[in-house]
Structures are given as structure tokens and as C-alpha cells.
Amino acid sequence: MNMIQQYEEKLSCLIDQMVETASDDELFAGGYLRGHISLSAAECELNGIASIDVMKEAVDTSIAQAQSELTPADQLIVKDMWQQLQSRTSV
């Protein structure tokens, strides 16, 4: 398993662990982020990229490009959740 897959798995585990205690907003953000994380990881693997930093940037870009899908309040919730997930994973 490569670094990108390991990082994606850690993030997914953190999202899964939150489910029992998460608010509705956190559940929404976790589900929303899971899609962006999976897409970014797949793109990195497809392009032979093994850098976690590049994957994080890909997730940031993916979220930014999809901003119009979310209300400003939801954008903040998603960004906060993404920051929390990153701070809770060390690779």
C-alpha cells in the first residue's frame, strides 16, 4: 500500500470514527469530504504521485472548485472539518 492509499485510509477512518458523536453538520461535511478525498487520491495514484502534500493540495483544489455547490455556512463547515482531519493525521 502506498503513502496516498495509507493517508486516504487514515482520513476515512477518522471520518468513520466521528459518526457516533458527530453533529448533522459534521456528518454532512465528513460525507462531502470523503468524496473529494477519494477523488484526489485516485487522481494522484493515476498520475503516479506519491506526495501527501500534493494530495492535500488536490483536495483543497477540489473543494475550491466545488464551492458553488455549498452555501457559505456549509463551506466553512467543510473547510473546518478538512483542517481538523489534516491536524489529526500525521504521516
PDB file of N, CA and C in Angstrom:
ATOM      1  N   MET A   1       0.851  -1.183   0.000  1.00  0.00           N
ATOM      2  CA  MET A   1       0.000   0.000   0.000  1.00  0.00           C
ATOM      3  C   MET A   1       0.899   1.250   0.000  1.00  0.00           C
ATOM      4  N   ASN A   2       0.610   2.179  -0.894  1.00  0.00           N
ATOM      5  CA  ASN A   2       1.452   3.362  -0.967  1.00  0.00           C
ATOM      6  C   ASN A   2       1.008   4.453   0.023  1.00  0.00           C
ATOM      7  N   MET A   3       1.782   5.514   0.078  1.00  0.00           N
ATOM      8  CA  MET A   3       1.534   6.604   1.036  1.00  0.00           C
ATOM      9  C   MET A   3       0.158   7.252   0.832  1.00  0.00           C
ATOM     10  N   ILE A   4      -0.215   7.446  -0.421  1.00  0.00           N
ATOM     11  CA  ILE A   4      -1.501   8.080  -0.723  1.00  0.00           C
ATOM     12  C   ILE A   4      -2.639   7.200  -0.207  1.00  0.00           C
ATOM     13  N   GLN A   5      -2.563   5.905  -0.479  1.00  0.00           N
ATOM     14  CA  GLN A   5      -3.608   4.987  -0.003  1.00  0.00           C
ATOM     15  C   GLN A   5      -3.671   4.973   1.522  1.00  0.00           C
ATOM     16  N   GLN A   6      -2.511   4.971   2.170  1.00  0.00           N
ATOM     17  CA  GLN A   6      -2.477   4.974   3.632  1.00  0.00           C
ATOM     18  C   GLN A   6      -3.114   6.244   4.191  1.00  0.00           C
ATOM     19  N   TYR A   7      -2.794   7.364   3.576  1.00  0.00           N
ATOM     20  CA  TYR A   7      -3.330   8.638   4.040  1.00  0.00           C
ATOM     21  C   TYR A   7      -4.845   8.686   3.835  1.00  0.00           C
ATOM     22  N   GLU A   8      -5.293   8.243   2.671  1.00  0.00           N
ATOM     23  CA  GLU A   8      -6.730   8.200   2.396  1.00  0.00           C
ATOM     24  C   GLU A   8      -7.445   7.316   3.424  1.00  0.00           C
ATOM     25  N   GLU A   9      -6.831   6.173   3.746  1.00  0.00           N
ATOM     26  CA  GLU A   9      -7.421   5.256   4.720  1.00  0.00           C
ATOM     27  C   GLU A   9      -7.512   5.894   6.109  1.00  0.00           C
ATOM     28  N   LYS A  10      -6.446   6.601   6.511  1.00  0.00           N
ATOM     29  CA  LYS A  10      -6.462   7.283   7.815  1.00  0.00           C
ATOM     30  C   LYS A  10      -7.578   8.315   7.884  1.00  0.00           C
ATOM     31  N   LEU A  11      -7.710   9.102   6.816  1.00  0.00           N
ATOM     32  CA  LEU A  11      -8.760  10.117   6.780  1.00  0.00           C
ATOM     33  C   LEU A  11     -10.145   9.473   6.849  1.00  0.00           C
ATOM     34  N   SER A  12     -10.336   8.399   6.089  1.00  0.00           N
ATOM     35  CA  SER A  12     -11.626   7.693   6.094  1.00  0.00           C
ATOM     36  C   SER A  12     -11.938   7.120   7.470  1.00  0.00           C
ATOM     37  N   CYS A  13     -10.924   6.580   8.131  1.00  0.00           N
ATOM     38  CA  CYS A  13     -11.125   6.040   9.484  1.00  0.00           C
ATOM     39  C   CYS A  13     -11.537   7.146  10.454  1.00  0.00           C
ATOM     40  N   LEU A  14     -10.898   8.293  10.355  1.00  0.00           N
ATOM     41  CA  LEU A  14     -11.264   9.409  11.226  1.00  0.00           C
ATOM     42  C   LEU A  14     -12.707   9.844  10.991  1.00  0.00           C
ATOM     43  N   ILE A  15     -13.102   9.906   9.727  1.00  0.00           N
ATOM     44  CA  ILE A  15     -14.488  10.272   9.405  1.00  0.00           C
ATOM     45  C   ILE A  15     -15.440   9.226   9.973  1.00  0.00           C
ATOM     46  N   ASP A  16     -15.107   7.946   9.810  1.00  0.00           N
ATOM     47  CA  ASP A  16     -15.948   6.862  10.335  1.00  0.00           C
ATOM     48  C   ASP A  16     -16.066   6.932  11.856  1.00  0.00           C
ATOM     49  N   GLN A  17     -14.968   7.260  12.528  1.00  0.00           N
ATOM     50  CA  GLN A  17     -14.976   7.323  13.992  1.00  0.00           C
ATOM     51  C   GLN A  17     -15.855   8.461  14.511  1.00  0.00           C
ATOM     52  N   MET A  18     -16.009   9.500  13.730  1.00  0.00           N
ATOM     53  CA  MET A  18     -16.802  10.652  14.165  1.00  0.00           C
ATOM     54  C   MET A  18     -18.300  10.381  14.119  1.00  0.00           C
ATOM     55  N   VAL A  19     -18.707   9.411  13.337  1.00  0.00           N
ATOM     56  CA  VAL A  19     -20.129   9.206  13.067  1.00  0.00           C
ATOM     57  C   VAL A  19     -20.970   9.099  14.341  1.00  0.00           C
ATOM     58  N   GLU A  20     -20.468   8.405  15.340  1.00  0.00           N
ATOM     59  CA  GLU A  20     -21.263   8.183  16.552  1.00  0.00           C
ATOM     60  C   GLU A  20     -21.534   9.463  17.332  1.00  0.00           C
ATOM     61  N   THR A  21     -20.611  10.410  17.303  1.00  0.00           N
ATOM     62  CA  THR A  21     -20.752  11.614  18.118  1.00  0.00           C
ATOM     63  C   THR A  21     -20.920  12.895  17.303  1.00  0.00           C
ATOM     64  N   ALA A  22     -20.896  12.790  15.988  1.00  0.00           N
ATOM     65  CA  ALA A  22     -20.916  13.976  15.127  1.00  0.00           C
ATOM     66  C   ALA A  22     -22.292  14.633  15.079  1.00  0.00           C
ATOM     67  N   SER A  23     -22.263  15.944  14.898  1.00  0.00           N
ATOM     68  CA  SER A  23     -23.494  16.695  14.658  1.00  0.00           C
ATOM     69  C   SER A  23     -23.925  16.459  13.211  1.00  0.00           C
ATOM     70  N   ASP A  24     -25.120  16.909  12.875  1.00  0.00           N
ATOM     71  CA  ASP A  24     -25.585  16.774  11.489  1.00  0.00           C
ATOM     72  C   ASP A  24     -24.641  17.486  10.530  1.00  0.00           C
ATOM     73  N   ASP A  25     -24.162  18.661  10.923  1.00  0.00           N
ATOM     74  CA  ASP A  25     -23.231  19.417  10.080  1.00  0.00           C
ATOM     75  C   ASP A  25     -21.932  18.646   9.874  1.00  0.00           C
ATOM     76  N   GLU A  26     -21.427  18.040  10.937  1.00  0.00           N
ATOM     77  CA  GLU A  26     -20.183  17.266  10.841  1.00  0.00           C
ATOM     78  C   GLU A  26     -20.370  16.020   9.981  1.00  0.00           C
ATOM     79  N   LEU A  27     -21.532  15.385  10.107  1.00  0.00           N
ATOM     80  CA  LEU A  27     -21.815  14.218   9.263  1.00  0.00           C
ATOM     81  C   LEU A  27     -21.855  14.620   7.793  1.00  0.00           C
ATOM     82  N   PHE A  28     -22.506  15.750   7.516  1.00  0.00           N
ATOM     83  CA  PHE A  28     -22.562  16.252   6.154  1.00  0.00           C
ATOM     84  C   PHE A  28     -21.155  16.533   5.631  1.00  0.00           C
ATOM     85  N   ALA A  29     -20.360  17.266   6.407  1.00  0.00           N
ATOM     86  CA  ALA A  29     -19.000  17.636   5.985  1.00  0.00           C
ATOM     87  C   ALA A  29     -18.131  16.399   5.776  1.00  0.00           C
ATOM     88  N   GLY A  30     -18.261  15.415   6.660  1.00  0.00           N
ATOM     89  CA  GLY A  30     -17.482  14.190   6.534  1.00  0.00           C
ATOM     90  C   GLY A  30     -17.814  13.451   5.252  1.00  0.00           C
ATOM     91  N   GLY A  31     -19.097  13.321   4.963  1.00  0.00           N
ATOM     92  CA  GLY A  31     -19.517  12.652   3.740  1.00  0.00           C
ATOM     93  C   GLY A  31     -19.088  13.411   2.499  1.00  0.00           C
ATOM     94  N   TYR A  32     -19.208  14.720   2.565  1.00  0.00           N
ATOM     95  CA  TYR A  32     -18.821  15.573   1.441  1.00  0.00           C
ATOM     96  C   TYR A  32     -17.321  15.464   1.191  1.00  0.00           C
ATOM     97  N   LEU A  33     -16.551  15.531   2.262  1.00  0.00           N
ATOM     98  CA  LEU A  33     -15.094  15.456   2.133  1.00  0.00           C
ATOM     99  C   LEU A  33     -14.621  14.095   1.643  1.00  0.00           C
ATOM    100  N   ARG A  34     -15.304  13.050   2.083  1.00  0.00           N
ATOM    101  CA  ARG A  34     -14.907  11.694   1.678  1.00  0.00           C
ATOM    102  C   ARG A  34     -14.839  11.591   0.156  1.00  0.00           C
ATOM    103  N   GLY A  35     -15.806  12.175  -0.521  1.00  0.00           N
ATOM    104  CA  GLY A  35     -15.808  12.152  -1.980  1.00  0.00           C
ATOM    105  C   GLY A  35     -14.612  12.884  -2.567  1.00  0.00           C
ATOM    106  N   HIS A  36     -14.322  14.062  -2.033  1.00  0.00           N
ATOM    107  CA  HIS A  36     -13.190  14.846  -2.526  1.00  0.00           C
ATOM    108  C   HIS A  36     -11.861  14.151  -2.216  1.00  0.00           C
ATOM    109  N   ILE A  37     -11.770  13.547  -1.057  1.00  0.00           N
ATOM    110  CA  ILE A  37     -10.552  12.829  -0.661  1.00  0.00           C
ATOM    111  C   ILE A  37     -10.320  11.631  -1.583  1.00  0.00           C
ATOM    112  N   SER A  38     -11.374  10.858  -1.805  1.00  0.00           N
ATOM    113  CA  SER A  38     -11.252   9.669  -2.667  1.00  0.00           C
ATOM    114  C   SER A  38     -10.885  10.057  -4.096  1.00  0.00           C
ATOM    115  N   LEU A  39     -11.538  11.092  -4.607  1.00  0.00           N
ATOM    116  CA  LEU A  39     -11.247  11.555  -5.962  1.00  0.00           C
ATOM    117  C   LEU A  39      -9.803  12.032  -6.074  1.00  0.00           C
ATOM    118  N   SER A  40      -9.355  12.801  -5.107  1.00  0.00           N
ATOM    119  CA  SER A  40      -7.982  13.329  -5.137  1.00  0.00           C
ATOM    120  C   SER A  40      -6.951  12.209  -5.019  1.00  0.00           C
ATOM    121  N   ALA A  41      -7.226  11.242  -4.155  1.00  0.00           N
ATOM    122  CA  ALA A  41      -6.310  10.106  -4.010  1.00  0.00           C
ATOM    123  C   ALA A  41      -6.225   9.317  -5.316  1.00  0.00           C
ATOM    124  N   ALA A  42      -7.366   9.093  -5.941  1.00  0.00           N
ATOM    125  CA  ALA A  42      -7.387   8.344  -7.204  1.00  0.00           C
ATOM    126  C   ALA A  42      -6.621   9.098  -8.292  1.00  0.00           C
ATOM    127  N   GLU A  43      -6.794  10.414  -8.349  1.00  0.00           N
ATOM    128  CA  GLU A  43      -6.081  11.212  -9.351  1.00  0.00           C
ATOM    129  C   GLU A  43      -4.569  11.160  -9.115  1.00  0.00           C
ATOM    130  N   CYS A  44      -4.160  11.234  -7.855  1.00  0.00           N
ATOM    131  CA  CYS A  44      -2.734  11.156  -7.532  1.00  0.00           C
ATOM    132  C   CYS A  44      -2.162   9.807  -7.961  1.00  0.00           C
ATOM    133  N   GLU A  45      -2.869   8.742  -7.621  1.00  0.00           N
ATOM    134  CA  GLU A  45      -2.399   7.401  -7.982  1.00  0.00           C
ATOM    135  C   GLU A  45      -2.330   7.240  -9.497  1.00  0.00           C
ATOM    136  N   LEU A  46      -3.341   7.732 -10.191  1.00  0.00           N
ATOM    137  CA  LEU A  46      -3.386   7.643 -11.643  1.00  0.00           C
ATOM    138  C   LEU A  46      -2.198   8.364 -12.285  1.00  0.00           C
ATOM    139  N   ASN A  47      -1.785   9.459 -11.677  1.00  0.00           N
ATOM    140  CA  ASN A  47      -0.685  10.264 -12.208  1.00  0.00           C
ATOM    141  C   ASN A  47       0.670   9.916 -11.601  1.00  0.00           C
ATOM    142  N   GLY A  48       0.706   8.843 -10.804  1.00  0.00           N
ATOM    143  CA  GLY A  48       1.966   8.392 -10.224  1.00  0.00           C
ATOM    144  C   GLY A  48       2.523   9.316  -9.156  1.00  0.00           C
ATOM    145  N   ILE A  49       1.654  10.065  -8.508  1.00  0.00           N
ATOM    146  CA  ILE A  49       2.078  11.000  -7.467  1.00  0.00           C
ATOM    147  C   ILE A  49       1.990  10.302  -6.116  1.00  0.00           C
ATOM    148  N   ALA A  50       3.065  10.365  -5.343  1.00  0.00           N
ATOM    149  CA  ALA A  50       3.097   9.697  -4.040  1.00  0.00           C
ATOM    150  C   ALA A  50       3.207  10.693  -2.888  1.00  0.00           C
ATOM    151  N   SER A  51       3.140  11.968  -3.179  1.00  0.00           N
ATOM    152  CA  SER A  51       3.317  13.004  -2.160  1.00  0.00           C
ATOM    153  C   SER A  51       2.004  13.319  -1.448  1.00  0.00           C
ATOM    154  N   ILE A  52       2.026  13.218  -0.125  1.00  0.00           N
ATOM    155  CA  ILE A  52       0.846  13.554   0.675  1.00  0.00           C
ATOM    156  C   ILE A  52       0.518  15.034   0.511  1.00  0.00           C
ATOM    157  N   ASP A  53       1.549  15.886   0.458  1.00  0.00           N
ATOM    158  CA  ASP A  53       1.319  17.321   0.297  1.00  0.00           C
ATOM    159  C   ASP A  53       0.594  17.628  -1.011  1.00  0.00           C
ATOM    160  N   VAL A  54       0.972  16.921  -2.068  1.00  0.00           N
ATOM    161  CA  VAL A  54       0.303  17.121  -3.356  1.00  0.00           C
ATOM    162  C   VAL A  54      -1.153  16.662  -3.259  1.00  0.00           C
ATOM    163  N   MET A  55      -1.384  15.563  -2.549  1.00  0.00           N
ATOM    164  CA  MET A  55      -2.758  15.094  -2.384  1.00  0.00           C
ATOM    165  C   MET A  55      -3.580  16.111  -1.596  1.00  0.00           C
ATOM    166  N   LYS A  56      -3.012  16.665  -0.529  1.00  0.00           N
ATOM    167  CA  LYS A  56      -3.723  17.685   0.252  1.00  0.00           C
ATOM    168  C   LYS A  56      -4.087  18.877  -0.623  1.00  0.00           C
ATOM    169  N   GLU A  57      -3.141  19.295  -1.468  1.00  0.00           N
ATOM    170  CA  GLU A  57      -3.402  20.403  -2.388  1.00  0.00           C
ATOM    171  C   GLU A  57      -4.512  20.039  -3.364  1.00  0.00           C
ATOM    172  N   ALA A  58      -4.528  18.779  -3.816  1.00  0.00           N
ATOM    173  CA  ALA A  58      -5.569  18.323  -4.741  1.00  0.00           C
ATOM    174  C   ALA A  58      -6.944  18.378  -4.079  1.00  0.00           C
ATOM    175  N   VAL A  59      -7.012  18.000  -2.794  1.00  0.00           N
ATOM    176  CA  VAL A  59      -8.279  18.076  -2.059  1.00  0.00           C
ATOM    177  C   VAL A  59      -8.690  19.544  -1.914  1.00  0.00           C
ATOM    178  N   ASP A  60      -7.736  20.408  -1.550  1.00  0.00           N
ATOM    179  CA  ASP A  60      -8.032  21.845  -1.436  1.00  0.00           C
ATOM    180  C   ASP A  60      -8.593  22.387  -2.746  1.00  0.00           C
ATOM    181  N   THR A  61      -7.951  22.026  -3.846  1.00  0.00           N
ATOM    182  CA  THR A  61      -8.383  22.495  -5.170  1.00  0.00           C
ATOM    183  C   THR A  61      -9.765  21.959  -5.506  1.00  0.00           C
ATOM    184  N   SER A  62      -9.988  20.687  -5.214  1.00  0.00           N
ATOM    185  CA  SER A  62     -11.274  20.054  -5.492  1.00  0.00           C
ATOM    186  C   SER A  62     -12.397  20.745  -4.718  1.00  0.00           C
ATOM    187  N   ILE A  63     -12.153  21.024  -3.451  1.00  0.00           N
ATOM    188  CA  ILE A  63     -13.144  21.707  -2.618  1.00  0.00           C
ATOM    189  C   ILE A  63     -13.397  23.116  -3.159  1.00  0.00           C
ATOM    190  N   ALA A  64     -12.329  23.818  -3.511  1.00  0.00           N
ATOM    191  CA  ALA A  64     -12.460  25.188  -4.019  1.00  0.00           C
ATOM    192  C   ALA A  64     -13.261  25.220  -5.324  1.00  0.00           C
ATOM    193  N   GLN A  65     -13.001  24.244  -6.193  1.00  0.00           N
ATOM    194  CA  GLN A  65     -13.708  24.203  -7.477  1.00  0.00           C
ATOM    195  C   GLN A  65     -15.189  23.895  -7.308  1.00  0.00           C
ATOM    196  N   ALA A  66     -15.542  23.236  -6.222  1.00  0.00           N
ATOM    197  CA  ALA A  66     -16.934  22.848  -5.989  1.00  0.00           C
ATOM    198  C   ALA A  66     -17.643  23.807  -5.033  1.00  0.00           C
ATOM    199  N   GLN A  67     -17.014  24.918  -4.711  1.00  0.00           N
ATOM    200  CA  GLN A  67     -17.568  25.850  -3.732  1.00  0.00           C
ATOM    201  C   GLN A  67     -18.986  26.292  -4.042  1.00  0.00           C
ATOM    202  N   SER A  68     -19.302  26.419  -5.319  1.00  0.00           N
ATOM    203  CA  SER A  68     -20.634  26.900  -5.690  1.00  0.00           C
ATOM    204  C   SER A  68     -21.734  25.907  -5.304  1.00  0.00           C
ATOM    205  N   GLU A  69     -21.351  24.665  -5.002  1.00  0.00           N
ATOM    206  CA  GLU A  69     -22.339  23.658  -4.573  1.00  0.00           C
ATOM    207  C   GLU A  69     -22.845  23.924  -3.152  1.00  0.00           C
ATOM    208  N   LEU A  70     -22.059  24.688  -2.391  1.00  0.00           N
ATOM    209  CA  LEU A  70     -22.343  24.849  -0.967  1.00  0.00           C
ATOM    210  C   LEU A  70     -22.722  26.278  -0.607  1.00  0.00           C
ATOM    211  N   THR A  71     -23.519  26.404   0.434  1.00  0.00           N
ATOM    212  CA  THR A  71     -23.782  27.724   0.992  1.00  0.00           C
ATOM    213  C   THR A  71     -22.510  28.204   1.688  1.00  0.00           C
ATOM    214  N   PRO A  72     -22.367  29.498   1.907  1.00  0.00           N
ATOM    215  CA  PRO A  72     -21.181  29.983   2.634  1.00  0.00           C
ATOM    216  C   PRO A  72     -21.012  29.308   3.996  1.00  0.00           C
ATOM    217  N   ALA A  73     -22.106  29.062   4.701  1.00  0.00           N
ATOM    218  CA  ALA A  73     -22.023  28.397   6.006  1.00  0.00           C
ATOM    219  C   ALA A  73     -21.490  26.979   5.866  1.00  0.00           C
ATOM    220  N   ASP A  74     -21.990  26.258   4.862  1.00  0.00           N
ATOM    221  CA  ASP A  74     -21.521  24.891   4.632  1.00  0.00           C
ATOM    222  C   ASP A  74     -20.064  24.872   4.191  1.00  0.00           C
ATOM    223  N   GLN A  75     -19.651  25.880   3.409  1.00  0.00           N
ATOM    224  CA  GLN A  75     -18.251  25.978   3.004  1.00  0.00           C
ATOM    225  C   GLN A  75     -17.345  26.054   4.231  1.00  0.00           C
ATOM    226  N   LEU A  76     -17.743  26.849   5.206  1.00  0.00           N
ATOM    227  CA  LEU A  76     -16.954  26.973   6.441  1.00  0.00           C
ATOM    228  C   LEU A  76     -16.902  25.660   7.202  1.00  0.00           C
ATOM    229  N   ILE A  77     -18.021  24.969   7.287  1.00  0.00           N
ATOM    230  CA  ILE A  77     -18.081  23.690   7.998  1.00  0.00           C
ATOM    231  C   ILE A  77     -17.148  22.683   7.331  1.00  0.00           C
ATOM    232  N   VAL A  78     -17.185  22.629   6.006  1.00  0.00           N
ATOM    233  CA  VAL A  78     -16.337  21.691   5.261  1.00  0.00           C
ATOM    234  C   VAL A  78     -14.863  22.041   5.451  1.00  0.00           C
ATOM    235  N   LYS A  79     -14.530  23.332   5.339  1.00  0.00           N
ATOM    236  CA  LYS A  79     -13.128  23.748   5.493  1.00  0.00           C
ATOM    237  C   LYS A  79     -12.625  23.456   6.902  1.00  0.00           C
ATOM    238  N   ASP A  80     -13.453  23.717   7.903  1.00  0.00           N
ATOM    239  CA  ASP A  80     -13.062  23.417   9.288  1.00  0.00           C
ATOM    240  C   ASP A  80     -12.821  21.922   9.478  1.00  0.00           C
ATOM    241  N   MET A  81     -13.713  21.121   8.928  1.00  0.00           N
ATOM    242  CA  MET A  81     -13.576  19.669   9.048  1.00  0.00           C
ATOM    243  C   MET A  81     -12.297  19.202   8.351  1.00  0.00           C
ATOM    244  N   TRP A  82     -11.999  19.731   7.180  1.00  0.00           N
ATOM    245  CA  TRP A  82     -10.798  19.349   6.444  1.00  0.00           C
ATOM    246  C   TRP A  82      -9.560  19.716   7.258  1.00  0.00           C
ATOM    247  N   GLN A  83      -9.566  20.881   7.880  1.00  0.00           N
ATOM    248  CA  GLN A  83      -8.433  21.282   8.728  1.00  0.00           C
ATOM    249  C   GLN A  83      -8.286  20.337   9.922  1.00  0.00           C
ATOM    250  N   GLN A  84      -9.407  19.994  10.544  1.00  0.00           N
ATOM    251  CA  GLN A  84      -9.368  19.070  11.687  1.00  0.00           C
ATOM    252  C   GLN A  84      -8.794  17.713  11.279  1.00  0.00           C
ATOM    253  N   LEU A  85      -9.256  17.206  10.161  1.00  0.00           N
ATOM    254  CA  LEU A  85      -8.782  15.890   9.690  1.00  0.00           C
ATOM    255  C   LEU A  85      -7.282  15.926   9.428  1.00  0.00           C
ATOM    256  N   GLN A  86      -6.826  16.988   8.781  1.00  0.00           N
ATOM    257  CA  GLN A  86      -5.398  17.094   8.491  1.00  0.00           C
ATOM    258  C   GLN A  86      -4.567  17.179   9.784  1.00  0.00           C
ATOM    259  N   SER A  87      -5.090  17.904  10.759  1.00  0.00           N
ATOM    260  CA  SER A  87      -4.326  18.061  12.010  1.00  0.00           C
ATOM    261  C   SER A  87      -4.300  16.771  12.813  1.00  0.00           C
ATOM    262  N   ARG A  88      -5.249  15.872  12.563  1.00  0.00           N
ATOM    263  CA  ARG A  88      -5.325  14.615  13.319  1.00  0.00           C
ATOM    264  C   ARG A  88      -4.602  13.468  12.630  1.00  0.00           C
ATOM    265  N   THR A  89      -4.047  13.729  11.453  1.00  0.00           N
ATOM    266  CA  THR A  89      -3.303  12.694  10.737  1.00  0.00           C
ATOM    267  C   THR A  89      -1.858  13.143  10.588  1.00  0.00           C
ATOM    268  N   SER A  90      -0.966  12.294  10.989  1.00  0.00           N
ATOM    269  CA  SER A  90       0.450  12.584  10.754  1.00  0.00           C
ATOM    270  C   SER A  90       1.035  11.420   9.984  1.00  0.00           C
ATOM    271  N   VAL A  91       1.651  11.743   8.896  1.00  0.00           N
ATOM    272  CA  VAL A  91       2.212  10.700   8.034  1.00  0.00           C
ATOM    273  C   VAL A  91       3.708  10.815   8.059  1.00  0.00           C
TER     274      VAL A  91
END
